[in-house]
Amino acid sequence: MIPLYGFLQGDSMGLLIMAREDDTLGRLAEKLQSAADVRVAPLKRPRVMVAGRLLDLEMTVAAAGLTALDKFEVGGTR
């Protein structure tokens, strides 16, 4: 498991999300939205950004080069 810092558009805090190397970024976005759903409504079309780059939701955590304690952001439309 890889601990990652996730920041969801509209949330007031970052969250620690546990990911697997073979999780897709789409799955990572789902995990983050699920963890924040008590404060923020889910996004209809989430987008994942890492280091200012918009990445494909089908890309895996490993392919995105994410390692322990890296930051990712999820934004989109509600």
N, C-alpha and C. Protein backbone atom coordinates (compact mmCIF):
# COMPACT_ATOMS: atom_id res chain seq x y z
N MET A 1 0.84 -1.18 0.00
CA MET A 1 0.00 0.00 0.00
C MET A 1 0.88 1.25 0.00
N ILE A 2 0.40 2.25 -0.73
CA ILE A 2 1.14 3.50 -0.87
C ILE A 2 0.28 4.63 -0.29
N PRO A 3 0.76 5.32 0.75
CA PRO A 3 0.00 6.44 1.30
C PRO A 3 0.20 7.68 0.42
N LEU A 4 -0.92 8.28 0.00
CA LEU A 4 -0.89 9.47 -0.86
C LEU A 4 -1.76 10.56 -0.26
N TYR A 5 -1.37 11.81 -0.44
CA TYR A 5 -2.18 12.94 0.00
C TYR A 5 -3.12 13.35 -1.13
N GLY A 6 -4.42 13.30 -0.87
CA GLY A 6 -5.41 13.68 -1.86
C GLY A 6 -6.12 14.95 -1.47
N PHE A 7 -6.31 15.81 -2.45
CA PHE A 7 -7.02 17.07 -2.25
C PHE A 7 -8.18 17.13 -3.23
N LEU A 8 -9.38 17.22 -2.70
CA LEU A 8 -10.60 17.21 -3.52
C LEU A 8 -11.15 18.62 -3.65
N GLN A 9 -11.46 19.01 -4.86
CA GLN A 9 -12.05 20.32 -5.13
C GLN A 9 -13.25 20.55 -4.21
N GLY A 10 -13.25 21.67 -3.50
CA GLY A 10 -14.35 22.01 -2.63
C GLY A 10 -14.21 21.53 -1.20
N ASP A 11 -13.25 20.66 -0.93
CA ASP A 11 -13.04 20.17 0.44
C ASP A 11 -12.13 21.14 1.17
N SER A 12 -12.24 21.16 2.47
CA SER A 12 -11.46 22.09 3.28
C SER A 12 -10.14 21.50 3.78
N MET A 13 -9.88 20.23 3.48
CA MET A 13 -8.64 19.61 3.96
C MET A 13 -8.18 18.51 3.02
N GLY A 14 -6.91 18.20 3.10
CA GLY A 14 -6.36 17.07 2.36
C GLY A 14 -6.58 15.79 3.16
N LEU A 15 -6.61 14.68 2.46
CA LEU A 15 -6.84 13.39 3.11
C LEU A 15 -5.76 12.40 2.72
N LEU A 16 -5.40 11.54 3.64
CA LEU A 16 -4.45 10.47 3.36
C LEU A 16 -5.23 9.30 2.78
N ILE A 17 -4.86 8.89 1.57
CA ILE A 17 -5.54 7.80 0.87
C ILE A 17 -4.52 6.68 0.64
N MET A 18 -4.93 5.47 0.95
CA MET A 18 -4.06 4.31 0.71
C MET A 18 -4.35 3.75 -0.68
N ALA A 19 -3.31 3.65 -1.48
CA ALA A 19 -3.46 3.18 -2.87
C ALA A 19 -2.58 1.97 -3.11
N ARG A 20 -2.96 1.20 -4.11
CA ARG A 20 -2.12 0.09 -4.59
C ARG A 20 -1.47 0.54 -5.89
N GLU A 21 -0.35 -0.03 -6.23
CA GLU A 21 0.35 0.32 -7.46
C GLU A 21 -0.52 0.10 -8.70
N ASP A 22 -1.40 -0.90 -8.64
CA ASP A 22 -2.22 -1.21 -9.81
C ASP A 22 -3.59 -0.52 -9.80
N ASP A 23 -3.87 0.32 -8.79
CA ASP A 23 -5.09 1.12 -8.80
C ASP A 23 -5.01 2.11 -9.96
N THR A 24 -6.12 2.33 -10.64
CA THR A 24 -6.15 3.38 -11.67
C THR A 24 -6.35 4.72 -10.97
N LEU A 25 -6.05 5.78 -11.67
CA LEU A 25 -6.28 7.11 -11.11
C LEU A 25 -7.77 7.37 -10.94
N GLY A 26 -8.59 6.74 -11.77
CA GLY A 26 -10.04 6.82 -11.60
C GLY A 26 -10.46 6.21 -10.27
N ARG A 27 -9.87 5.07 -9.94
CA ARG A 27 -10.17 4.41 -8.66
C ARG A 27 -9.67 5.26 -7.50
N LEU A 28 -8.52 5.89 -7.67
CA LEU A 28 -7.97 6.78 -6.65
C LEU A 28 -8.93 7.95 -6.40
N ALA A 29 -9.48 8.51 -7.48
CA ALA A 29 -10.45 9.60 -7.36
C ALA A 29 -11.70 9.12 -6.61
N GLU A 30 -12.14 7.90 -6.88
CA GLU A 30 -13.30 7.33 -6.18
C GLU A 30 -13.01 7.19 -4.69
N LYS A 31 -11.84 6.69 -4.35
CA LYS A 31 -11.47 6.52 -2.94
C LYS A 31 -11.48 7.87 -2.22
N LEU A 32 -10.91 8.89 -2.85
CA LEU A 32 -10.86 10.22 -2.24
C LEU A 32 -12.27 10.79 -2.07
N GLN A 33 -13.10 10.67 -3.09
CA GLN A 33 -14.46 11.19 -3.00
C GLN A 33 -15.26 10.46 -1.93
N SER A 34 -15.06 9.17 -1.81
CA SER A 34 -15.75 8.39 -0.78
C SER A 34 -15.33 8.84 0.62
N ALA A 35 -14.05 9.10 0.79
CA ALA A 35 -13.55 9.53 2.10
C ALA A 35 -14.05 10.92 2.48
N ALA A 36 -14.33 11.76 1.49
CA ALA A 36 -14.74 13.14 1.74
C ALA A 36 -16.24 13.36 1.60
N ASP A 37 -17.01 12.31 1.35
CA ASP A 37 -18.43 12.51 1.01
C ASP A 37 -19.28 13.08 2.13
N VAL A 38 -18.79 13.11 3.37
CA VAL A 38 -19.56 13.74 4.45
C VAL A 38 -19.49 15.26 4.35
N ARG A 39 -18.48 15.78 3.61
CA ARG A 39 -18.31 17.23 3.49
C ARG A 39 -18.55 17.76 2.09
N VAL A 40 -18.32 16.93 1.06
CA VAL A 40 -18.33 17.40 -0.32
C VAL A 40 -19.13 16.43 -1.20
N ALA A 41 -20.01 16.99 -2.02
CA ALA A 41 -20.77 16.16 -2.97
C ALA A 41 -19.83 15.58 -4.02
N PRO A 42 -20.12 14.37 -4.51
CA PRO A 42 -19.24 13.76 -5.51
C PRO A 42 -19.25 14.52 -6.84
N LEU A 43 -18.16 14.39 -7.56
CA LEU A 43 -18.01 15.02 -8.87
C LEU A 43 -18.59 14.09 -9.93
N LYS A 44 -19.25 14.66 -10.93
CA LYS A 44 -19.79 13.86 -12.03
C LYS A 44 -18.70 13.41 -12.98
N ARG A 45 -17.75 14.29 -13.23
CA ARG A 45 -16.65 14.00 -14.16
C ARG A 45 -15.33 14.36 -13.49
N PRO A 46 -14.83 13.48 -12.62
CA PRO A 46 -13.57 13.81 -11.94
C PRO A 46 -12.38 13.86 -12.89
N ARG A 47 -11.42 14.70 -12.54
CA ARG A 47 -10.14 14.78 -13.25
C ARG A 47 -9.06 14.68 -12.20
N VAL A 48 -7.98 14.01 -12.53
CA VAL A 48 -6.87 13.85 -11.59
C VAL A 48 -5.66 14.61 -12.11
N MET A 49 -5.08 15.41 -11.22
CA MET A 49 -3.87 16.16 -11.55
C MET A 49 -2.77 15.78 -10.58
N VAL A 50 -1.57 15.61 -11.14
CA VAL A 50 -0.38 15.34 -10.35
C VAL A 50 0.69 16.32 -10.82
N ALA A 51 1.23 17.08 -9.90
CA ALA A 51 2.28 18.06 -10.21
C ALA A 51 1.86 18.99 -11.36
N GLY A 52 0.58 19.39 -11.34
CA GLY A 52 0.08 20.31 -12.35
C GLY A 52 -0.24 19.70 -13.70
N ARG A 53 -0.10 18.38 -13.82
CA ARG A 53 -0.40 17.69 -15.09
C ARG A 53 -1.73 16.94 -14.96
N LEU A 54 -2.59 17.12 -15.95
CA LEU A 54 -3.84 16.38 -16.02
C LEU A 54 -3.53 15.00 -16.57
N LEU A 55 -3.92 13.94 -15.85
CA LEU A 55 -3.58 12.58 -16.25
C LEU A 55 -4.82 11.77 -16.61
N ASP A 56 -4.62 10.76 -17.41
CA ASP A 56 -5.68 9.85 -17.85
C ASP A 56 -6.17 9.02 -16.66
N LEU A 57 -7.49 8.92 -16.49
CA LEU A 57 -8.06 8.17 -15.38
C LEU A 57 -7.77 6.68 -15.46
N GLU A 58 -7.41 6.17 -16.64
CA GLU A 58 -7.10 4.75 -16.80
C GLU A 58 -5.65 4.43 -16.44
N MET A 59 -4.83 5.45 -16.24
CA MET A 59 -3.42 5.26 -15.88
C MET A 59 -3.35 4.70 -14.46
N THR A 60 -2.38 3.82 -14.21
CA THR A 60 -2.22 3.28 -12.87
C THR A 60 -1.38 4.22 -12.01
N VAL A 61 -1.46 4.00 -10.71
CA VAL A 61 -0.66 4.76 -9.76
C VAL A 61 0.83 4.59 -10.10
N ALA A 62 1.24 3.38 -10.40
CA ALA A 62 2.65 3.13 -10.75
C ALA A 62 3.05 3.85 -12.02
N ALA A 63 2.20 3.80 -13.06
CA ALA A 63 2.51 4.46 -14.32
C ALA A 63 2.58 5.98 -14.17
N ALA A 64 1.80 6.52 -13.22
CA ALA A 64 1.83 7.96 -12.97
C ALA A 64 3.07 8.37 -12.18
N GLY A 65 3.80 7.37 -11.67
CA GLY A 65 5.02 7.65 -10.92
C GLY A 65 4.79 8.11 -9.49
N LEU A 66 3.59 7.83 -8.96
CA LEU A 66 3.29 8.24 -7.59
C LEU A 66 3.98 7.33 -6.59
N THR A 67 4.61 7.94 -5.60
CA THR A 67 5.26 7.20 -4.52
C THR A 67 4.76 7.74 -3.19
N ALA A 68 5.17 7.10 -2.11
CA ALA A 68 4.68 7.43 -0.78
C ALA A 68 4.69 8.93 -0.49
N LEU A 69 3.55 9.40 -0.02
CA LEU A 69 3.31 10.77 0.42
C LEU A 69 3.30 11.81 -0.70
N ASP A 70 3.19 11.36 -1.95
CA ASP A 70 3.00 12.28 -3.06
C ASP A 70 1.61 12.88 -2.97
N LYS A 71 1.42 14.03 -3.61
CA LYS A 71 0.15 14.75 -3.60
C LYS A 71 -0.55 14.58 -4.94
N PHE A 72 -1.86 14.38 -4.89
CA PHE A 72 -2.67 14.40 -6.11
C PHE A 72 -3.92 15.23 -5.85
N GLU A 73 -4.48 15.79 -6.91
CA GLU A 73 -5.67 16.63 -6.78
C GLU A 73 -6.77 16.09 -7.68
N VAL A 74 -7.99 16.17 -7.18
CA VAL A 74 -9.15 15.74 -7.96
C VAL A 74 -10.10 16.94 -8.07
N GLY A 75 -10.43 17.26 -9.32
CA GLY A 75 -11.36 18.35 -9.60
C GLY A 75 -12.34 17.89 -10.65
N GLY A 76 -13.24 18.76 -11.03
CA GLY A 76 -14.21 18.42 -12.05
C GLY A 76 -15.49 19.20 -11.88
N THR A 77 -16.58 18.65 -12.39
CA THR A 77 -17.87 19.31 -12.29
C THR A 77 -18.80 18.52 -11.39
N ARG A 78 -19.67 19.24 -10.72
CA ARG A 78 -20.63 18.60 -9.80
C ARG A 78 -21.95 18.41 -10.50
